[in-house]
Amino acid sequence: MSTKSVWEAPPLSMDDQRIIDAYRETGRSVDDLPYTSDFDRLMERLGGENNSPDKRAVYQRLLYLRKAGRLPRIYQL
């Protein structure tokens, strides 16, 4: 009998993986992130020079990824 789970999450899109990587580097939980300089740095990392994503859309995506269990936990002391 296989030990593989019946349900597996689909692979993340490249955009979602970029958001998660940038989120990990902030060191802040999603709830503490809005209106901080860490969120501004996250947005800079995602946007580069020419492509400026919408802050609201990025934050909503972070919340969705957290709810789906795809966002790593960041613990603050």
C-alpha atoms as a PDB file:
ATOM      1  CA  MET A   1       0.000   0.000   0.000  1.00  0.00           C
ATOM      2  CA  SER A   2       1.278   3.450  -0.884  1.00  0.00           C
ATOM      3  CA  THR A   3       2.006   5.973   1.853  1.00  0.00           C
ATOM      4  CA  LYS A   4       1.329   8.843  -0.515  1.00  0.00           C
ATOM      5  CA  SER A   5      -1.494  11.150   0.533  1.00  0.00           C
ATOM      6  CA  VAL A   6      -4.701  11.050  -1.468  1.00  0.00           C
ATOM      7  CA  TRP A   7      -4.893  14.826  -1.546  1.00  0.00           C
ATOM      8  CA  GLU A   8      -1.930  16.908  -2.583  1.00  0.00           C
ATOM      9  CA  ALA A   9      -1.906  20.640  -3.105  1.00  0.00           C
ATOM     10  CA  PRO A  10      -1.267  21.717  -6.683  1.00  0.00           C
ATOM     11  CA  PRO A  11       2.118  23.286  -7.347  1.00  0.00           C
ATOM     12  CA  LEU A  12       2.408  27.004  -6.702  1.00  0.00           C
ATOM     13  CA  SER A  13       2.491  29.412  -9.612  1.00  0.00           C
ATOM     14  CA  MET A  14       5.714  31.340 -10.192  1.00  0.00           C
ATOM     15  CA  ASP A  15       3.984  34.533  -9.009  1.00  0.00           C
ATOM     16  CA  ASP A  16       2.834  32.906  -5.775  1.00  0.00           C
ATOM     17  CA  GLN A  17       6.315  31.506  -5.171  1.00  0.00           C
ATOM     18  CA  ARG A  18       7.824  34.980  -5.683  1.00  0.00           C
ATOM     19  CA  ILE A  19       5.358  36.456  -3.172  1.00  0.00           C
ATOM     20  CA  ILE A  20       6.142  33.723  -0.633  1.00  0.00           C
ATOM     21  CA  ASP A  21       9.907  34.174  -1.063  1.00  0.00           C
ATOM     22  CA  ALA A  22       9.611  37.936  -0.566  1.00  0.00           C
ATOM     23  CA  TYR A  23       7.313  37.379   2.429  1.00  0.00           C
ATOM     24  CA  ARG A  24       9.800  35.015   4.085  1.00  0.00           C
ATOM     25  CA  GLU A  25      12.504  37.673   3.866  1.00  0.00           C
ATOM     26  CA  THR A  26      10.385  40.232   5.740  1.00  0.00           C
ATOM     27  CA  GLY A  27      10.399  38.254   8.972  1.00  0.00           C
ATOM     28  CA  ARG A  28       6.940  39.597   9.868  1.00  0.00           C
ATOM     29  CA  SER A  29       3.639  37.791  10.140  1.00  0.00           C
ATOM     30  CA  VAL A  30       0.938  38.653   7.621  1.00  0.00           C
ATOM     31  CA  ASP A  31      -1.141  40.366  10.316  1.00  0.00           C
ATOM     32  CA  ASP A  32       1.720  42.718  11.242  1.00  0.00           C
ATOM     33  CA  LEU A  33       2.805  43.460   7.678  1.00  0.00           C
ATOM     34  CA  PRO A  34       0.484  46.194   6.298  1.00  0.00           C
ATOM     35  CA  TYR A  35       1.575  49.822   6.566  1.00  0.00           C
ATOM     36  CA  THR A  36       5.161  48.933   7.480  1.00  0.00           C
ATOM     37  CA  SER A  37       8.486  49.570   5.820  1.00  0.00           C
ATOM     38  CA  ASP A  38       8.843  45.770   5.561  1.00  0.00           C
ATOM     39  CA  PHE A  39       5.751  45.646   3.349  1.00  0.00           C
ATOM     40  CA  ASP A  40       7.181  48.453   1.220  1.00  0.00           C
ATOM     41  CA  ARG A  41      10.398  46.437   0.795  1.00  0.00           C
ATOM     42  CA  LEU A  42       8.349  43.352  -0.114  1.00  0.00           C
ATOM     43  CA  MET A  43       6.562  45.388  -2.785  1.00  0.00           C
ATOM     44  CA  GLU A  44       9.866  46.746  -4.121  1.00  0.00           C
ATOM     45  CA  ARG A  45      11.221  43.231  -4.413  1.00  0.00           C
ATOM     46  CA  LEU A  46       8.132  42.079  -6.291  1.00  0.00           C
ATOM     47  CA  GLY A  47       7.877  45.098  -8.543  1.00  0.00           C
ATOM     48  CA  GLY A  48      11.377  45.787  -9.667  1.00  0.00           C
ATOM     49  CA  GLU A  49      11.711  48.999 -11.608  1.00  0.00           C
ATOM     50  CA  ASN A  50       9.004  48.767 -14.267  1.00  0.00           C
ATOM     51  CA  ASN A  51       6.320  46.420 -12.943  1.00  0.00           C
ATOM     52  CA  SER A  52       4.593  47.831  -9.873  1.00  0.00           C
ATOM     53  CA  PRO A  53       2.027  45.377  -8.457  1.00  0.00           C
ATOM     54  CA  ASP A  54      -1.011  46.581  -6.536  1.00  0.00           C
ATOM     55  CA  LYS A  55      -0.414  46.524  -2.751  1.00  0.00           C
ATOM     56  CA  ARG A  56      -3.971  45.512  -2.028  1.00  0.00           C
ATOM     57  CA  ALA A  57      -3.831  42.600  -4.477  1.00  0.00           C
ATOM     58  CA  VAL A  58      -0.534  41.352  -3.032  1.00  0.00           C
ATOM     59  CA  TYR A  59      -1.849  41.536   0.528  1.00  0.00           C
ATOM     60  CA  GLN A  60      -5.046  39.719  -0.446  1.00  0.00           C
ATOM     61  CA  ARG A  61      -2.945  37.026  -2.122  1.00  0.00           C
ATOM     62  CA  LEU A  62      -0.850  36.642   1.036  1.00  0.00           C
ATOM     63  CA  LEU A  63      -4.044  36.204   3.057  1.00  0.00           C
ATOM     64  CA  TYR A  64      -5.357  33.637   0.570  1.00  0.00           C
ATOM     65  CA  LEU A  65      -2.088  31.683   0.651  1.00  0.00           C
ATOM     66  CA  ARG A  66      -2.164  31.693   4.449  1.00  0.00           C
ATOM     67  CA  LYS A  67      -5.760  30.452   4.526  1.00  0.00           C
ATOM     68  CA  ALA A  68      -4.884  27.716   2.015  1.00  0.00           C
ATOM     69  CA  GLY A  69      -2.028  26.600   4.276  1.00  0.00           C
ATOM     70  CA  ARG A  70       0.616  27.466   1.693  1.00  0.00           C
ATOM     71  CA  LEU A  71       2.285  30.352   3.532  1.00  0.00           C
ATOM     72  CA  PRO A  72       5.087  29.520   5.969  1.00  0.00           C
ATOM     73  CA  ARG A  73       4.616  30.594   9.571  1.00  0.00           C
ATOM     74  CA  ILE A  74       6.806  33.413  10.785  1.00  0.00           C
ATOM     75  CA  TYR A  75       7.138  33.632  14.527  1.00  0.00           C
ATOM     76  CA  GLN A  76       8.078  36.870  16.225  1.00  0.00           C
ATOM     77  CA  LEU A  77       9.452  37.073  19.722  1.00  0.00           C
END
